[in-house]
N, C-alpha and C. Protein backbone atom coordinates (compact mmCIF):
# COMPACT_ATOMS: atom_id res chain seq x y z
N UNK A 1 94.60 93.17 113.03
CA UNK A 1 94.65 92.69 111.66
C UNK A 1 95.82 93.38 110.94
N UNK A 2 96.56 92.60 110.18
CA UNK A 2 97.72 93.13 109.46
C UNK A 2 97.26 94.03 108.32
N UNK A 3 98.09 94.99 107.99
CA UNK A 3 97.78 95.87 106.87
C UNK A 3 97.85 95.07 105.57
N UNK A 4 97.18 95.58 104.55
CA UNK A 4 97.22 94.94 103.24
C UNK A 4 98.66 94.88 102.76
N UNK A 5 99.40 95.97 102.93
CA UNK A 5 100.78 96.01 102.49
C UNK A 5 101.63 94.93 103.17
N UNK A 6 101.46 94.77 104.47
CA UNK A 6 102.27 93.77 105.17
C UNK A 6 101.88 92.35 104.76
N UNK A 7 100.61 92.11 104.46
CA UNK A 7 100.19 90.79 103.97
C UNK A 7 100.80 90.51 102.60
N UNK A 8 100.80 91.52 101.73
CA UNK A 8 101.41 91.36 100.41
C UNK A 8 102.90 91.04 100.57
N UNK A 9 103.57 91.80 101.41
CA UNK A 9 105.01 91.58 101.62
C UNK A 9 105.28 90.17 102.12
N UNK A 10 104.51 89.71 103.10
CA UNK A 10 104.72 88.38 103.67
C UNK A 10 104.48 87.28 102.65
N UNK A 11 103.43 87.40 101.87
CA UNK A 11 103.11 86.38 100.87
C UNK A 11 104.17 86.32 99.77
N UNK A 12 104.61 87.47 99.30
CA UNK A 12 105.63 87.49 98.24
C UNK A 12 106.97 86.98 98.77
N UNK A 13 107.31 87.34 99.99
CA UNK A 13 108.55 86.86 100.61
C UNK A 13 108.53 85.33 100.71
N UNK A 14 107.43 84.80 101.15
CA UNK A 14 107.30 83.36 101.33
C UNK A 14 107.32 82.61 100.00
N UNK A 15 106.63 83.13 99.00
CA UNK A 15 106.50 82.43 97.73
C UNK A 15 107.72 82.53 96.83
N UNK A 16 108.45 83.65 96.89
CA UNK A 16 109.51 83.88 95.91
C UNK A 16 110.91 84.01 96.50
N UNK A 17 111.05 84.03 97.82
CA UNK A 17 112.35 84.21 98.48
C UNK A 17 113.19 85.24 97.72
N UNK A 18 112.66 86.44 97.55
CA UNK A 18 113.31 87.43 96.69
C UNK A 18 114.61 88.00 97.26
N UNK A 19 115.51 88.31 96.34
CA UNK A 19 116.73 89.04 96.70
C UNK A 19 116.37 90.49 96.98
N UNK A 20 115.36 90.99 96.27
CA UNK A 20 114.85 92.35 96.47
C UNK A 20 113.33 92.27 96.45
N UNK A 21 112.71 92.90 97.41
CA UNK A 21 111.25 93.00 97.45
C UNK A 21 110.89 94.42 97.83
N UNK A 22 110.13 95.06 96.94
CA UNK A 22 109.63 96.40 97.22
C UNK A 22 108.11 96.37 97.04
N UNK A 23 107.40 96.77 98.06
CA UNK A 23 105.95 96.88 97.98
C UNK A 23 105.62 98.32 98.36
N UNK A 24 105.15 99.07 97.39
CA UNK A 24 104.90 100.49 97.59
C UNK A 24 103.40 100.77 97.48
N UNK A 25 102.84 101.34 98.53
CA UNK A 25 101.44 101.73 98.52
C UNK A 25 101.34 103.05 97.75
N UNK A 26 100.76 103.00 96.56
CA UNK A 26 100.62 104.19 95.73
C UNK A 26 99.19 104.74 95.75
N UNK A 27 98.43 104.32 96.73
CA UNK A 27 97.03 104.74 96.81
C UNK A 27 96.88 106.26 96.88
N UNK A 28 97.82 106.91 97.56
CA UNK A 28 97.75 108.38 97.70
C UNK A 28 97.81 109.10 96.36
N UNK A 29 98.26 108.41 95.31
CA UNK A 29 98.36 109.01 93.98
C UNK A 29 97.04 108.93 93.21
N UNK A 30 96.01 108.38 93.84
CA UNK A 30 94.74 108.13 93.17
C UNK A 30 93.57 108.75 93.93
N UNK A 31 92.41 108.70 93.33
CA UNK A 31 91.20 109.29 93.92
C UNK A 31 90.58 108.33 94.91
N UNK A 32 91.24 108.17 96.05
CA UNK A 32 90.74 107.29 97.11
C UNK A 32 90.87 108.03 98.44
N UNK A 33 90.15 107.59 99.45
CA UNK A 33 90.24 108.25 100.76
C UNK A 33 91.65 108.13 101.36
N UNK A 34 92.06 109.10 102.16
CA UNK A 34 93.36 109.03 102.84
C UNK A 34 93.48 107.73 103.63
N UNK A 35 94.66 107.15 103.63
CA UNK A 35 94.91 105.92 104.36
C UNK A 35 94.51 104.66 103.63
N UNK A 36 94.06 104.79 102.40
CA UNK A 36 93.64 103.61 101.63
C UNK A 36 94.81 102.71 101.29
N UNK A 37 94.50 101.44 101.09
CA UNK A 37 95.47 100.46 100.63
C UNK A 37 94.85 99.72 99.45
N UNK A 38 94.78 100.44 98.32
CA UNK A 38 94.09 99.91 97.14
C UNK A 38 94.97 99.81 95.92
N UNK A 39 96.03 100.59 95.85
CA UNK A 39 96.90 100.65 94.68
C UNK A 39 98.34 100.38 95.13
N UNK A 40 98.95 99.34 94.55
CA UNK A 40 100.30 98.97 94.95
C UNK A 40 101.20 98.76 93.75
N UNK A 41 102.46 99.03 93.96
CA UNK A 41 103.52 98.70 93.00
C UNK A 41 104.41 97.68 93.71
N UNK A 42 104.64 96.54 93.04
CA UNK A 42 105.52 95.54 93.62
C UNK A 42 106.69 95.28 92.68
N UNK A 43 107.86 95.19 93.27
CA UNK A 43 109.07 94.83 92.56
C UNK A 43 109.59 93.57 93.23
N UNK A 44 109.72 92.51 92.45
CA UNK A 44 110.19 91.23 92.99
C UNK A 44 111.37 90.77 92.15
N UNK A 45 112.51 90.60 92.80
CA UNK A 45 113.72 90.11 92.14
C UNK A 45 114.00 88.73 92.73
N UNK A 46 113.88 87.70 91.88
CA UNK A 46 114.01 86.33 92.38
C UNK A 46 114.64 85.41 91.35
N UNK A 47 115.44 84.49 91.83
CA UNK A 47 116.00 83.45 90.97
C UNK A 47 114.90 82.57 90.38
N UNK A 48 113.75 82.52 91.03
CA UNK A 48 112.65 81.68 90.56
C UNK A 48 112.08 82.15 89.22
N UNK A 49 112.41 83.36 88.80
CA UNK A 49 111.92 83.88 87.53
C UNK A 49 112.81 83.48 86.35
N UNK A 50 113.94 82.88 86.61
CA UNK A 50 114.86 82.49 85.53
C UNK A 50 114.14 81.55 84.56
N UNK A 51 114.25 81.88 83.28
CA UNK A 51 113.65 81.06 82.23
C UNK A 51 112.16 81.22 82.07
N UNK A 52 111.54 82.13 82.83
CA UNK A 52 110.10 82.35 82.73
C UNK A 52 109.82 83.65 82.00
N UNK A 53 108.82 83.62 81.16
CA UNK A 53 108.40 84.82 80.45
C UNK A 53 107.64 85.75 81.39
N UNK A 54 107.55 86.99 80.99
CA UNK A 54 106.89 88.01 81.80
C UNK A 54 105.47 87.60 82.20
N UNK A 55 104.71 87.04 81.27
CA UNK A 55 103.33 86.65 81.55
C UNK A 55 103.29 85.60 82.66
N UNK A 56 104.16 84.61 82.60
CA UNK A 56 104.19 83.56 83.63
C UNK A 56 104.59 84.14 84.99
N UNK A 57 105.49 85.08 84.99
CA UNK A 57 105.90 85.73 86.24
C UNK A 57 104.73 86.47 86.86
N UNK A 58 104.03 87.24 86.03
CA UNK A 58 102.88 88.02 86.52
C UNK A 58 101.77 87.10 87.01
N UNK A 59 101.53 86.01 86.29
CA UNK A 59 100.52 85.06 86.72
C UNK A 59 100.87 84.48 88.09
N UNK A 60 102.15 84.21 88.32
CA UNK A 60 102.58 83.68 89.61
C UNK A 60 102.33 84.69 90.73
N UNK A 61 102.58 85.96 90.45
CA UNK A 61 102.33 87.01 91.44
C UNK A 61 100.83 87.10 91.73
N UNK A 62 100.02 87.15 90.67
CA UNK A 62 98.57 87.24 90.85
C UNK A 62 98.03 86.03 91.61
N UNK A 63 98.56 84.86 91.32
CA UNK A 63 98.12 83.65 92.02
C UNK A 63 98.45 83.75 93.51
N UNK A 64 99.63 84.24 93.82
CA UNK A 64 100.06 84.39 95.21
C UNK A 64 99.20 85.42 95.95
N UNK A 65 98.80 86.46 95.24
CA UNK A 65 98.03 87.55 95.86
C UNK A 65 96.55 87.51 95.49
N UNK A 66 96.04 86.34 95.15
CA UNK A 66 94.65 86.21 94.69
C UNK A 66 93.65 86.79 95.68
N UNK A 67 93.85 86.53 96.96
CA UNK A 67 92.92 87.01 97.98
C UNK A 67 92.89 88.53 98.03
N UNK A 68 94.06 89.16 97.95
CA UNK A 68 94.15 90.62 98.01
C UNK A 68 93.56 91.26 96.75
N UNK A 69 93.81 90.66 95.61
CA UNK A 69 93.31 91.21 94.34
C UNK A 69 91.78 91.07 94.27
N UNK A 70 91.23 90.02 94.88
CA UNK A 70 89.77 89.86 94.92
C UNK A 70 89.12 90.83 95.89
N UNK A 71 89.91 91.31 96.86
CA UNK A 71 89.34 92.15 97.89
C UNK A 71 89.79 93.58 97.81
N UNK A 72 90.67 93.97 98.72
CA UNK A 72 90.97 95.39 98.86
C UNK A 72 91.83 96.00 97.75
N UNK A 73 92.60 95.21 97.02
CA UNK A 73 93.53 95.77 96.04
C UNK A 73 92.80 96.02 94.72
N UNK A 74 92.81 97.26 94.29
CA UNK A 74 92.16 97.66 93.05
C UNK A 74 93.14 97.62 91.88
N UNK A 75 94.40 97.98 92.13
CA UNK A 75 95.40 98.04 91.07
C UNK A 75 96.74 97.53 91.60
N UNK A 76 97.41 96.77 90.75
CA UNK A 76 98.69 96.19 91.12
C UNK A 76 99.66 96.34 89.95
N UNK A 77 100.67 97.17 90.13
CA UNK A 77 101.72 97.33 89.12
C UNK A 77 102.82 96.33 89.48
N UNK A 78 103.12 95.41 88.57
CA UNK A 78 104.06 94.34 88.85
C UNK A 78 105.31 94.49 88.00
N UNK A 79 106.47 94.42 88.67
CA UNK A 79 107.76 94.45 87.99
C UNK A 79 108.57 93.28 88.53
N UNK A 80 108.89 92.33 87.65
CA UNK A 80 109.60 91.12 88.07
C UNK A 80 110.92 91.01 87.32
N UNK A 81 111.94 90.57 88.04
CA UNK A 81 113.28 90.46 87.47
C UNK A 81 114.02 89.27 88.07
N UNK A 82 114.94 88.73 87.30
CA UNK A 82 115.94 87.84 87.89
C UNK A 82 117.01 88.77 88.46
N UNK A 83 117.89 88.28 89.33
CA UNK A 83 118.96 89.15 89.83
C UNK A 83 119.81 89.75 88.70
N UNK A 84 120.05 88.98 87.66
CA UNK A 84 120.84 89.48 86.54
C UNK A 84 120.12 90.62 85.81
N UNK A 85 118.81 90.44 85.57
CA UNK A 85 118.02 91.48 84.92
C UNK A 85 117.97 92.74 85.78
N UNK A 86 117.83 92.56 87.07
CA UNK A 86 117.79 93.69 88.00
C UNK A 86 119.08 94.49 87.91
N UNK A 87 120.18 93.79 87.88
CA UNK A 87 121.48 94.44 87.76
C UNK A 87 121.59 95.20 86.43
N UNK A 88 121.14 94.58 85.35
CA UNK A 88 121.18 95.24 84.03
C UNK A 88 120.26 96.47 83.99
N UNK A 89 119.21 96.46 84.79
CA UNK A 89 118.28 97.60 84.88
C UNK A 89 118.76 98.65 85.86
N UNK A 90 119.99 98.52 86.29
CA UNK A 90 120.59 99.44 87.25
C UNK A 90 119.80 99.48 88.55
N UNK A 91 119.27 98.31 88.91
CA UNK A 91 118.53 98.13 90.16
C UNK A 91 117.42 99.15 90.34
N UNK A 92 116.65 99.35 89.27
CA UNK A 92 115.54 100.30 89.31
C UNK A 92 114.37 99.80 88.47
N UNK A 93 113.18 99.99 88.97
CA UNK A 93 111.95 99.68 88.25
C UNK A 93 111.40 100.98 87.67
N UNK A 94 110.60 100.88 86.63
CA UNK A 94 110.01 102.09 86.05
C UNK A 94 109.13 102.83 87.06
N UNK A 95 109.08 104.12 86.93
CA UNK A 95 108.19 104.93 87.78
C UNK A 95 106.75 104.69 87.34
N UNK A 96 105.85 104.76 88.28
CA UNK A 96 104.43 104.61 87.96
C UNK A 96 103.91 105.88 87.34
N UNK A 97 102.98 105.74 86.39
CA UNK A 97 102.40 106.95 85.77
C UNK A 97 101.51 107.66 86.78
N UNK A 98 101.27 108.94 86.53
CA UNK A 98 100.36 109.68 87.40
C UNK A 98 98.94 109.23 87.12
N UNK A 99 98.10 109.34 88.12
CA UNK A 99 96.71 108.94 87.99
C UNK A 99 96.01 109.88 87.01
N UNK A 100 95.20 109.30 86.14
CA UNK A 100 94.45 110.10 85.19
C UNK A 100 93.08 110.46 85.73
N UNK A 101 92.84 110.06 86.98
CA UNK A 101 91.58 110.42 87.62
C UNK A 101 90.44 109.54 87.16
N UNK A 102 89.28 109.89 87.65
CA UNK A 102 88.08 109.15 87.26
C UNK A 102 87.85 107.95 88.14
N UNK A 103 86.61 107.55 88.16
CA UNK A 103 86.21 106.34 88.87
C UNK A 103 84.88 105.88 88.30
N UNK A 104 84.45 104.72 88.72
CA UNK A 104 83.17 104.19 88.27
C UNK A 104 82.01 105.10 88.66
N UNK A 105 82.21 105.87 89.71
CA UNK A 105 81.15 106.75 90.20
C UNK A 105 81.00 108.01 89.37
N UNK A 106 82.01 108.30 88.54
CA UNK A 106 81.94 109.51 87.73
C UNK A 106 80.88 109.38 86.63
N UNK A 107 80.21 110.47 86.34
CA UNK A 107 79.24 110.48 85.24
C UNK A 107 80.00 110.51 83.92
N UNK A 108 79.48 109.79 82.96
CA UNK A 108 80.13 109.75 81.65
C UNK A 108 79.34 110.52 80.64
């Protein structure tokens, strides 16, 4: 069975034909068991985003990854750009914040 990360990469590659695709497993930054694939950061640079607002871009990503978001993926940080926007951003996405800890299992 393919890893969650590789499935995400394949689906985004197929759906958006990106000039740049980065899928980073950030699970190690959170309170999850070692080797988890639950928290991801995705950067997708595609001509298909031209003329689309951020919300529409994110909806397209969520639609493409619906199966993963319903299952193993707990958190998905999405950064979408056109090639021109990517260039203006100096080809860099924002860093993810550090985990603030906590889980549903914690007592409140």
